Amino acid sequence: MPASLSFVMDITDHKRAEDEVRVSEEKYRTILESIE
């Protein structure tokens, strides 16, 4: 019968680290773009 074979990885910690890096980058980018 037709079927979908899938491989699944838990990336919660990786995603959290990505979000922290993104927030940090956005914060420093905002600072850089705001300074005279």
PDB file of all heavy atoms in Angstrom:
ATOM      1  N   MET A   1       0.851  -1.198   0.000  1.00  0.00           N
ATOM      2  CA  MET A   1       0.000   0.000   0.000  1.00  0.00           C
ATOM      3  C   MET A   1       0.888   1.250   0.000  1.00  0.00           C
ATOM      4  O   MET A   1       1.976   1.255   0.588  1.00  0.00           O
ATOM      5  CB  MET A   1      -0.891   0.020   1.243  1.00  0.00           C
ATOM      6  CG  MET A   1      -1.798  -1.180   1.371  1.00  0.00           C
ATOM      7  SD  MET A   1      -3.379  -0.953   0.582  1.00  0.00           S
ATOM      8  CE  MET A   1      -4.035   0.455   1.390  1.00  0.00           C
ATOM      9  N   PRO A   2       0.444   2.351  -0.665  1.00  0.00           N
ATOM     10  CA  PRO A   2       1.222   3.600  -0.619  1.00  0.00           C
ATOM     11  C   PRO A   2       1.367   4.080   0.825  1.00  0.00           C
ATOM     12  O   PRO A   2       0.450   3.962   1.636  1.00  0.00           O
ATOM     13  CB  PRO A   2       0.368   4.574  -1.439  1.00  0.00           C
ATOM     14  CG  PRO A   2      -0.510   3.714  -2.281  1.00  0.00           C
ATOM     15  CD  PRO A   2      -0.780   2.489  -1.467  1.00  0.00           C
ATOM     16  N   ALA A   3       2.536   4.594   1.152  1.00  0.00           N
ATOM     17  CA  ALA A   3       2.793   5.048   2.519  1.00  0.00           C
ATOM     18  C   ALA A   3       3.807   6.181   2.502  1.00  0.00           C
ATOM     19  O   ALA A   3       4.527   6.387   1.526  1.00  0.00           O
ATOM     20  CB  ALA A   3       3.301   3.895   3.382  1.00  0.00           C
ATOM     21  N   SER A   4       3.841   6.910   3.607  1.00  0.00           N
ATOM     22  CA  SER A   4       4.818   7.982   3.796  1.00  0.00           C
ATOM     23  C   SER A   4       5.792   7.534   4.876  1.00  0.00           C
ATOM     24  O   SER A   4       5.403   7.292   6.019  1.00  0.00           O
ATOM     25  CB  SER A   4       4.120   9.283   4.221  1.00  0.00           C
ATOM     26  OG  SER A   4       5.081  10.281   4.543  1.00  0.00           O
ATOM     27  N   LEU A   5       7.067   7.384   4.488  1.00  0.00           N
ATOM     28  CA  LEU A   5       8.126   7.025   5.430  1.00  0.00           C
ATOM     29  C   LEU A   5       8.810   8.305   5.893  1.00  0.00           C
ATOM     30  O   LEU A   5       9.292   9.088   5.074  1.00  0.00           O
ATOM     31  CB  LEU A   5       9.135   6.098   4.765  1.00  0.00           C
ATOM     32  CG  LEU A   5      10.399   5.772   5.563  1.00  0.00           C
ATOM     33  CD1 LEU A   5      10.053   5.019   6.848  1.00  0.00           C
ATOM     34  CD2 LEU A   5      11.393   4.985   4.714  1.00  0.00           C
ATOM     35  N   SER A   6       8.844   8.522   7.199  1.00  0.00           N
ATOM     36  CA  SER A   6       9.373   9.784   7.735  1.00  0.00           C
ATOM     37  C   SER A   6      10.405   9.537   8.817  1.00  0.00           C
ATOM     38  O   SER A   6      10.320   8.568   9.575  1.00  0.00           O
ATOM     39  CB  SER A   6       8.234  10.639   8.310  1.00  0.00           C
ATOM     40  OG  SER A   6       7.272  10.934   7.314  1.00  0.00           O
ATOM     41  N   PHE A   7      11.384  10.442   8.848  1.00  0.00           N
ATOM     42  CA  PHE A   7      12.408  10.460   9.897  1.00  0.00           C
ATOM     43  C   PHE A   7      12.225  11.760  10.680  1.00  0.00           C
ATOM     44  O   PHE A   7      12.163  12.841  10.096  1.00  0.00           O
ATOM     45  CB  PHE A   7      13.801  10.385   9.280  1.00  0.00           C
ATOM     46  CG  PHE A   7      14.034   9.124   8.494  1.00  0.00           C
ATOM     47  CD1 PHE A   7      13.667   9.047   7.153  1.00  0.00           C
ATOM     48  CD2 PHE A   7      14.594   8.008   9.096  1.00  0.00           C
ATOM     49  CE1 PHE A   7      13.873   7.891   6.426  1.00  0.00           C
ATOM     50  CE2 PHE A   7      14.801   6.848   8.376  1.00  0.00           C
ATOM     51  CZ  PHE A   7      14.436   6.779   7.033  1.00  0.00           C
ATOM     52  N   VAL A   8      12.158  11.648  12.002  1.00  0.00           N
ATOM     53  CA  VAL A   8      11.824  12.791  12.856  1.00  0.00           C
ATOM     54  C   VAL A   8      12.946  13.042  13.864  1.00  0.00           C
ATOM     55  O   VAL A   8      13.462  12.104  14.483  1.00  0.00           O
ATOM     56  CB  VAL A   8      10.499  12.544  13.614  1.00  0.00           C
ATOM     57  CG1 VAL A   8      10.175  13.732  14.520  1.00  0.00           C
ATOM     58  CG2 VAL A   8       9.366  12.291  12.627  1.00  0.00           C
ATOM     59  N   MET A   9      13.333  14.312  14.010  1.00  0.00           N
ATOM     60  CA  MET A   9      14.339  14.717  14.996  1.00  0.00           C
ATOM     61  C   MET A   9      13.765  15.805  15.897  1.00  0.00           C
ATOM     62  O   MET A   9      13.059  16.710  15.411  1.00  0.00           O
ATOM     63  CB  MET A   9      15.590  15.249  14.296  1.00  0.00           C
ATOM     64  CG  MET A   9      16.358  14.196  13.517  1.00  0.00           C
ATOM     65  SD  MET A   9      17.655  14.941  12.498  1.00  0.00           S
ATOM     66  CE  MET A   9      16.668  15.639  11.180  1.00  0.00           C
ATOM     67  N   ASP A  10      14.058  15.703  17.179  1.00  0.00           N
ATOM     68  CA  ASP A  10      13.658  16.736  18.137  1.00  0.00           C
ATOM     69  C   ASP A  10      14.703  17.862  18.070  1.00  0.00           C
ATOM     70  O   ASP A  10      15.865  17.665  18.433  1.00  0.00           O
ATOM     71  CB  ASP A  10      13.598  16.149  19.545  1.00  0.00           C
ATOM     72  CG  ASP A  10      13.012  17.134  20.557  1.00  0.00           C
ATOM     73  OD1 ASP A  10      13.060  18.357  20.311  1.00  0.00           O
ATOM     74  OD2 ASP A  10      12.523  16.671  21.608  1.00  0.00           O
ATOM     75  N   ILE A  11      14.286  19.043  17.603  1.00  0.00           N
ATOM     76  CA  ILE A  11      15.227  20.170  17.448  1.00  0.00           C
ATOM     77  C   ILE A  11      14.848  21.319  18.380  1.00  0.00           C
ATOM     78  O   ILE A  11      15.192  22.475  18.113  1.00  0.00           O
ATOM     79  CB  ILE A  11      15.250  20.662  15.988  1.00  0.00           C
ATOM     80  CG1 ILE A  11      13.845  21.121  15.553  1.00  0.00           C
ATOM     81  CG2 ILE A  11      15.789  19.599  15.050  1.00  0.00           C
ATOM     82  CD1 ILE A  11      13.834  21.891  14.255  1.00  0.00           C
ATOM     83  N   THR A  12      14.148  20.983  19.475  1.00  0.00           N
ATOM     84  CA  THR A  12      13.683  22.036  20.388  1.00  0.00           C
ATOM     85  C   THR A  12      14.841  22.867  20.923  1.00  0.00           C
ATOM     86  O   THR A  12      14.803  24.104  20.892  1.00  0.00           O
ATOM     87  CB  THR A  12      12.897  21.427  21.550  1.00  0.00           C
ATOM     88  OG1 THR A  12      11.821  20.636  21.035  1.00  0.00           O
ATOM     89  CG2 THR A  12      12.333  22.515  22.453  1.00  0.00           C
ATOM     90  N   ASP A  13      15.890  22.204  21.412  1.00  0.00           N
ATOM     91  CA  ASP A  13      17.036  22.932  21.965  1.00  0.00           C
ATOM     92  C   ASP A  13      17.741  23.741  20.878  1.00  0.00           C
ATOM     93  O   ASP A  13      18.156  24.883  21.104  1.00  0.00           O
ATOM     94  CB  ASP A  13      18.017  21.963  22.618  1.00  0.00           C
ATOM     95  CG  ASP A  13      17.429  21.300  23.858  1.00  0.00           C
ATOM     96  OD1 ASP A  13      16.472  21.857  24.429  1.00  0.00           O
ATOM     97  OD2 ASP A  13      17.916  20.216  24.233  1.00  0.00           O
ATOM     98  N   HIS A  14      17.872  23.136  19.706  1.00  0.00           N
ATOM     99  CA  HIS A  14      18.505  23.837  18.586  1.00  0.00           C
ATOM    100  C   HIS A  14      17.687  25.055  18.182  1.00  0.00           C
ATOM    101  O   HIS A  14      18.237  26.125  17.921  1.00  0.00           O
ATOM    102  CB  HIS A  14      18.663  22.878  17.405  1.00  0.00           C
ATOM    103  CG  HIS A  14      19.286  23.495  16.202  1.00  0.00           C
ATOM    104  ND1 HIS A  14      20.627  23.832  16.139  1.00  0.00           N
ATOM    105  CD2 HIS A  14      18.752  23.863  14.997  1.00  0.00           C
ATOM    106  CE1 HIS A  14      20.893  24.361  14.954  1.00  0.00           C
ATOM    107  NE2 HIS A  14      19.775  24.389  14.253  1.00  0.00           N
ATOM    108  N   LYS A  15      16.355  24.887  18.143  1.00  0.00           N
ATOM    109  CA  LYS A  15      15.475  25.999  17.773  1.00  0.00           C
ATOM    110  C   LYS A  15      15.547  27.107  18.812  1.00  0.00           C
ATOM    111  O   LYS A  15      15.559  28.302  18.474  1.00  0.00           O
ATOM    112  CB  LYS A  15      14.034  25.498  17.661  1.00  0.00           C
ATOM    113  CG  LYS A  15      13.020  26.546  17.189  1.00  0.00           C
ATOM    114  CD  LYS A  15      13.269  26.931  15.748  1.00  0.00           C
ATOM    115  CE  LYS A  15      12.128  27.755  15.173  1.00  0.00           C
ATOM    116  NZ  LYS A  15      11.810  28.968  15.891  1.00  0.00           N
ATOM    117  N   ARG A  16      15.616  26.737  20.088  1.00  0.00           N
ATOM    118  CA  ARG A  16      15.724  27.732  21.149  1.00  0.00           C
ATOM    119  C   ARG A  16      17.032  28.512  21.003  1.00  0.00           C
ATOM    120  O   ARG A  16      17.052  29.734  21.136  1.00  0.00           O
ATOM    121  CB  ARG A  16      15.657  27.054  22.509  1.00  0.00           C
ATOM    122  CG  ARG A  16      15.647  28.043  23.673  1.00  0.00           C
ATOM    123  CD  ARG A  16      15.616  27.333  25.013  1.00  0.00           C
ATOM    124  NE  ARG A  16      14.405  26.536  25.161  1.00  0.00           N
ATOM    125  CZ  ARG A  16      14.375  25.211  25.208  1.00  0.00           C
ATOM    126  NH1 ARG A  16      15.519  24.516  25.115  1.00  0.00           N
ATOM    127  NH2 ARG A  16      13.238  24.558  25.340  1.00  0.00           N
ATOM    128  N   ALA A  17      18.121  27.797  20.711  1.00  0.00           N
ATOM    129  CA  ALA A  17      19.407  28.470  20.511  1.00  0.00           C
ATOM    130  C   ALA A  17      19.353  29.392  19.302  1.00  0.00           C
ATOM    131  O   ALA A  17      19.874  30.514  19.332  1.00  0.00           O
ATOM    132  CB  ALA A  17      20.517  27.434  20.341  1.00  0.00           C
ATOM    133  N   GLU A  18      18.704  28.943  18.225  1.00  0.00           N
ATOM    134  CA  GLU A  18      18.553  29.785  17.034  1.00  0.00           C
ATOM    135  C   GLU A  18      17.781  31.060  17.364  1.00  0.00           C
ATOM    136  O   GLU A  18      18.137  32.151  16.928  1.00  0.00           O
ATOM    137  CB  GLU A  18      17.822  29.013  15.938  1.00  0.00           C
ATOM    138  CG  GLU A  18      18.677  28.045  15.174  1.00  0.00           C
ATOM    139  CD  GLU A  18      17.896  27.423  14.034  1.00  0.00           C
ATOM    140  OE1 GLU A  18      16.642  27.572  13.990  1.00  0.00           O
ATOM    141  OE2 GLU A  18      18.525  26.784  13.161  1.00  0.00           O
ATOM    142  N   ASP A  19      16.698  30.893  18.125  1.00  0.00           N
ATOM    143  CA  ASP A  19      15.876  32.051  18.493  1.00  0.00           C
ATOM    144  C   ASP A  19      16.674  33.034  19.346  1.00  0.00           C
ATOM    145  O   ASP A  19      16.564  34.252  19.176  1.00  0.00           O
ATOM    146  CB  ASP A  19      14.623  31.595  19.244  1.00  0.00           C
ATOM    147  CG  ASP A  19      13.645  30.856  18.353  1.00  0.00           C
ATOM    148  OD1 ASP A  19      13.758  30.989  17.126  1.00  0.00           O
ATOM    149  OD2 ASP A  19      12.782  30.140  18.892  1.00  0.00           O
ATOM    150  N   GLU A  20      17.470  32.490  20.278  1.00  0.00           N
ATOM    151  CA  GLU A  20      18.286  33.372  21.124  1.00  0.00           C
ATOM    152  C   GLU A  20      19.310  34.134  20.294  1.00  0.00           C
ATOM    153  O   GLU A  20      19.528  35.327  20.508  1.00  0.00           O
ATOM    154  CB  GLU A  20      18.991  32.539  22.203  1.00  0.00           C
ATOM    155  CG  GLU A  20      18.038  31.998  23.263  1.00  0.00           C
ATOM    156  CD  GLU A  20      18.729  31.063  24.233  1.00  0.00           C
ATOM    157  OE1 GLU A  20      19.938  30.766  24.012  1.00  0.00           O
ATOM    158  OE2 GLU A  20      18.083  30.612  25.202  1.00  0.00           O
ATOM    159  N   VAL A  21      19.926  33.430  19.339  1.00  0.00           N
ATOM    160  CA  VAL A  21      20.893  34.100  18.451  1.00  0.00           C
ATOM    161  C   VAL A  21      20.196  35.153  17.611  1.00  0.00           C
ATOM    162  O   VAL A  21      20.703  36.263  17.429  1.00  0.00           O
ATOM    163  CB  VAL A  21      21.603  33.063  17.550  1.00  0.00           C
ATOM    164  CG1 VAL A  21      22.420  33.767  16.473  1.00  0.00           C
ATOM    165  CG2 VAL A  21      22.493  32.163  18.383  1.00  0.00           C
ATOM    166  N   ARG A  22      19.000  34.812  17.099  1.00  0.00           N
ATOM    167  CA  ARG A  22      18.261  35.765  16.259  1.00  0.00           C
ATOM    168  C   ARG A  22      17.874  37.003  17.057  1.00  0.00           C
ATOM    169  O   ARG A  22      18.029  38.133  16.585  1.00  0.00           O
ATOM    170  CB  ARG A  22      17.004  35.094  15.694  1.00  0.00           C
ATOM    171  CG  ARG A  22      16.137  36.032  14.860  1.00  0.00           C
ATOM    172  CD  ARG A  22      14.913  35.286  14.344  1.00  0.00           C
ATOM    173  NE  ARG A  22      14.198  34.613  15.408  1.00  0.00           N
ATOM    174  CZ  ARG A  22      13.376  35.237  16.258  1.00  0.00           C
ATOM    175  NH1 ARG A  22      13.189  36.547  16.169  1.00  0.00           N
ATOM    176  NH2 ARG A  22      12.736  34.551  17.190  1.00  0.00           N
ATOM    177  N   VAL A  23      17.388  36.787  18.285  1.00  0.00           N
ATOM    178  CA  VAL A  23      17.008  37.927  19.131  1.00  0.00           C
ATOM    179  C   VAL A  23      18.226  38.789  19.434  1.00  0.00           C
ATOM    180  O   VAL A  23      18.167  40.023  19.389  1.00  0.00           O
ATOM    181  CB  VAL A  23      16.356  37.431  20.445  1.00  0.00           C
ATOM    182  CG1 VAL A  23      16.191  38.583  21.432  1.00  0.00           C
ATOM    183  CG2 VAL A  23      15.008  36.791  20.156  1.00  0.00           C
ATOM    184  N   SER A  24      19.344  38.116  19.721  1.00  0.00           N
ATOM    185  CA  SER A  24      20.576  38.848  20.008  1.00  0.00           C
ATOM    186  C   SER A  24      21.028  39.651  18.789  1.00  0.00           C
ATOM    187  O   SER A  24      21.397  40.820  18.895  1.00  0.00           O
ATOM    188  CB  SER A  24      21.681  37.878  20.435  1.00  0.00           C
ATOM    189  OG  SER A  24      22.890  38.562  20.661  1.00  0.00           O
ATOM    190  N   GLU A  25      20.967  39.010  17.614  1.00  0.00           N
ATOM    191  CA  GLU A  25      21.364  39.700  16.383  1.00  0.00           C
ATOM    192  C   GLU A  25      20.444  40.887  16.106  1.00  0.00           C
ATOM    193  O   GLU A  25      20.896  41.962  15.712  1.00  0.00           O
ATOM    194  CB  GLU A  25      21.342  38.733  15.211  1.00  0.00           C
ATOM    195  CG  GLU A  25      22.479  37.719  15.233  1.00  0.00           C
ATOM    196  CD  GLU A  25      22.406  36.743  14.077  1.00  0.00           C
ATOM    197  OE1 GLU A  25      21.334  36.701  13.410  1.00  0.00           O
ATOM    198  OE2 GLU A  25      23.393  36.040  13.831  1.00  0.00           O
ATOM    199  N   GLU A  26      19.143  40.673  16.311  1.00  0.00           N
ATOM    200  CA  GLU A  26      18.196  41.763  16.080  1.00  0.00           C
ATOM    201  C   GLU A  26      18.438  42.912  17.046  1.00  0.00           C
ATOM    202  O   GLU A  26      18.367  44.087  16.670  1.00  0.00           O
ATOM    203  CB  GLU A  26      16.759  41.245  16.220  1.00  0.00           C
ATOM    204  CG  GLU A  26      16.321  40.327  15.086  1.00  0.00           C
ATOM    205  CD  GLU A  26      14.922  39.794  15.289  1.00  0.00           C
ATOM    206  OE1 GLU A  26      14.344  40.053  16.376  1.00  0.00           O
ATOM    207  OE2 GLU A  26      14.402  39.114  14.390  1.00  0.00           O
ATOM    208  N   LYS A  27      18.756  42.567  18.313  1.00  0.00           N
ATOM    209  CA  LYS A  27      19.012  43.607  19.306  1.00  0.00           C
ATOM    210  C   LYS A  27      20.225  44.441  18.924  1.00  0.00           C
ATOM    211  O   LYS A  27      20.161  45.673  18.911  1.00  0.00           O
ATOM    212  CB  LYS A  27      19.220  42.966  20.679  1.00  0.00           C
ATOM    213  CG  LYS A  27      19.484  43.984  21.791  1.00  0.00           C
ATOM    214  CD  LYS A  27      19.646  43.325  23.143  1.00  0.00           C
ATOM    215  CE  LYS A  27      20.962  42.602  23.229  1.00  0.00           C
ATOM    216  NZ  LYS A  27      21.224  42.093  24.599  1.00  0.00           N
ATOM    217  N   TYR A  28      21.317  43.749  18.595  1.00  0.00           N
ATOM    218  CA  TYR A  28      22.526  44.488  18.253  1.00  0.00           C
ATOM    219  C   TYR A  28      22.389  45.203  16.918  1.00  0.00           C
ATOM    220  O   TYR A  28      22.962  46.280  16.719  1.00  0.00           O
ATOM    221  CB  TYR A  28      23.729  43.550  18.258  1.00  0.00           C
ATOM    222  CG  TYR A  28      24.145  43.158  19.649  1.00  0.00           C
ATOM    223  CD1 TYR A  28      23.992  41.852  20.099  1.00  0.00           C
ATOM    224  CD2 TYR A  28      24.654  44.102  20.534  1.00  0.00           C
ATOM    225  CE1 TYR A  28      24.344  41.490  21.390  1.00  0.00           C
ATOM    226  CE2 TYR A  28      25.008  43.744  21.834  1.00  0.00           C
ATOM    227  CZ  TYR A  28      24.856  42.442  22.247  1.00  0.00           C
ATOM    228  OH  TYR A  28      25.197  42.098  23.517  1.00  0.00           O
ATOM    229  N   ARG A  29      21.627  44.615  16.008  1.00  0.00           N
ATOM    230  CA  ARG A  29      21.394  45.295  14.728  1.00  0.00           C
ATOM    231  C   ARG A  29      20.586  46.570  14.964  1.00  0.00           C
ATOM    232  O   ARG A  29      20.858  47.616  14.362  1.00  0.00           O
ATOM    233  CB  ARG A  29      20.637  44.370  13.766  1.00  0.00           C
ATOM    234  CG  ARG A  29      20.408  44.978  12.387  1.00  0.00           C
ATOM    235  CD  ARG A  29      21.690  45.106  11.628  1.00  0.00           C
ATOM    236  NE  ARG A  29      21.509  45.843  10.384  1.00  0.00           N
ATOM    237  CZ  ARG A  29      22.460  46.024   9.492  1.00  0.00           C
ATOM    238  NH1 ARG A  29      23.667  45.523   9.697  1.00  0.00           N
ATOM    239  NH2 ARG A  29      22.240  46.707   8.396  1.00  0.00           N
ATOM    240  N   THR A  30      19.588  46.473  15.858  1.00  0.00           N
ATOM    241  CA  THR A  30      18.784  47.656  16.188  1.00  0.00           C
ATOM    242  C   THR A  30      19.654  48.739  16.809  1.00  0.00           C
ATOM    243  O   THR A  30      19.526  49.924  16.483  1.00  0.00           O
ATOM    244  CB  THR A  30      17.651  47.277  17.158  1.00  0.00           C
ATOM    245  OG1 THR A  30      16.811  46.298  16.533  1.00  0.00           O
ATOM    246  CG2 THR A  30      16.815  48.495  17.517  1.00  0.00           C
ATOM    247  N   ILE A  31      20.553  48.313  17.713  1.00  0.00           N
ATOM    248  CA  ILE A  31      21.456  49.281  18.334  1.00  0.00           C
ATOM    249  C   ILE A  31      22.340  49.927  17.276  1.00  0.00           C
ATOM    250  O   ILE A  31      22.506  51.153  17.247  1.00  0.00           O
ATOM    251  CB  ILE A  31      22.311  48.582  19.414  1.00  0.00           C
ATOM    252  CG1 ILE A  31      21.434  48.135  20.584  1.00  0.00           C
ATOM    253  CG2 ILE A  31      23.425  49.522  19.910  1.00  0.00           C
ATOM    254  CD1 ILE A  31      22.160  47.288  21.597  1.00  0.00           C
ATOM    255  N   LEU A  32      22.905  49.095  16.382  1.00  0.00           N
ATOM    256  CA  LEU A  32      23.791  49.622  15.347  1.00  0.00           C
ATOM    257  C   LEU A  32      23.076  50.612  14.437  1.00  0.00           C
ATOM    258  O   LEU A  32      23.641  51.619  14.030  1.00  0.00           O
ATOM    259  CB  LEU A  32      24.349  48.472  14.500  1.00  0.00           C
ATOM    260  CG  LEU A  32      25.564  47.723  15.048  1.00  0.00           C
ATOM    261  CD1 LEU A  32      25.968  46.609  14.096  1.00  0.00           C
ATOM    262  CD2 LEU A  32      26.734  48.669  15.267  1.00  0.00           C
ATOM    263  N   GLU A  33      21.816  50.302  14.118  1.00  0.00           N
ATOM    264  CA  GLU A  33      21.081  51.169  13.205  1.00  0.00           C
ATOM    265  C   GLU A  33      20.532  52.408  13.913  1.00  0.00           C
ATOM    266  O   GLU A  33      20.110  53.359  13.253  1.00  0.00           O
ATOM    267  CB  GLU A  33      19.926  50.395  12.559  1.00  0.00           C
ATOM    268  CG  GLU A  33      20.370  49.225  11.683  1.00  0.00           C
ATOM    269  CD  GLU A  33      21.289  49.627  10.552  1.00  0.00           C
ATOM    270  OE1 GLU A  33      21.355  50.829  10.223  1.00  0.00           O
ATOM    271  OE2 GLU A  33      21.970  48.747   9.998  1.00  0.00           O
ATOM    272  N   SER A  34      20.539  52.400  15.245  1.00  0.00           N
ATOM    273  CA  SER A  34      19.988  53.539  15.988  1.00  0.00           C
ATOM    274  C   SER A  34      21.046  54.560  16.386  1.00  0.00           C
ATOM    275  O   SER A  34      20.714  55.724  16.613  1.00  0.00           O
ATOM    276  CB  SER A  34      19.270  53.030  17.255  1.00  0.00           C
ATOM    277  OG  SER A  34      18.215  52.144  16.922  1.00  0.00           O
ATOM    278  N   ILE A  35      22.297  54.138  16.486  1.00  0.00           N
ATOM    279  CA  ILE A  35      23.322  55.068  16.950  1.00  0.00           C
ATOM    280  C   ILE A  35      23.651  56.090  15.862  1.00  0.00           C
ATOM    281  O   ILE A  35      23.522  55.828  14.670  1.00  0.00           O
ATOM    282  CB  ILE A  35      24.610  54.318  17.373  1.00  0.00           C
ATOM    283  CG1 ILE A  35      25.205  53.537  16.186  1.00  0.00           C
ATOM    284  CG2 ILE A  35      24.341  53.419  18.542  1.00  0.00           C
ATOM    285  CD1 ILE A  35      26.533  52.878  16.504  1.00  0.00           C
ATOM    286  N   GLU A  36      24.060  57.264  16.294  1.00  0.00           N
ATOM    287  CA  GLU A  36      24.430  58.326  15.368  1.00  0.00           C
ATOM    288  C   GLU A  36      25.776  58.051  14.715  1.00  0.00           C
ATOM    289  O   GLU A  36      26.026  58.457  13.578  1.00  0.00           O
ATOM    290  CB  GLU A  36      24.484  59.674  16.111  1.00  0.00           C
ATOM    291  CG  GLU A  36      23.120  60.223  16.496  1.00  0.00           C
ATOM    292  CD  GLU A  36      22.289  60.591  15.276  1.00  0.00           C
ATOM    293  OE1 GLU A  36      22.843  61.207  14.351  1.00  0.00           O
ATOM    294  OE2 GLU A  36      21.098  60.237  15.250  1.00  0.00           O
TER     295      GLU A  36
END
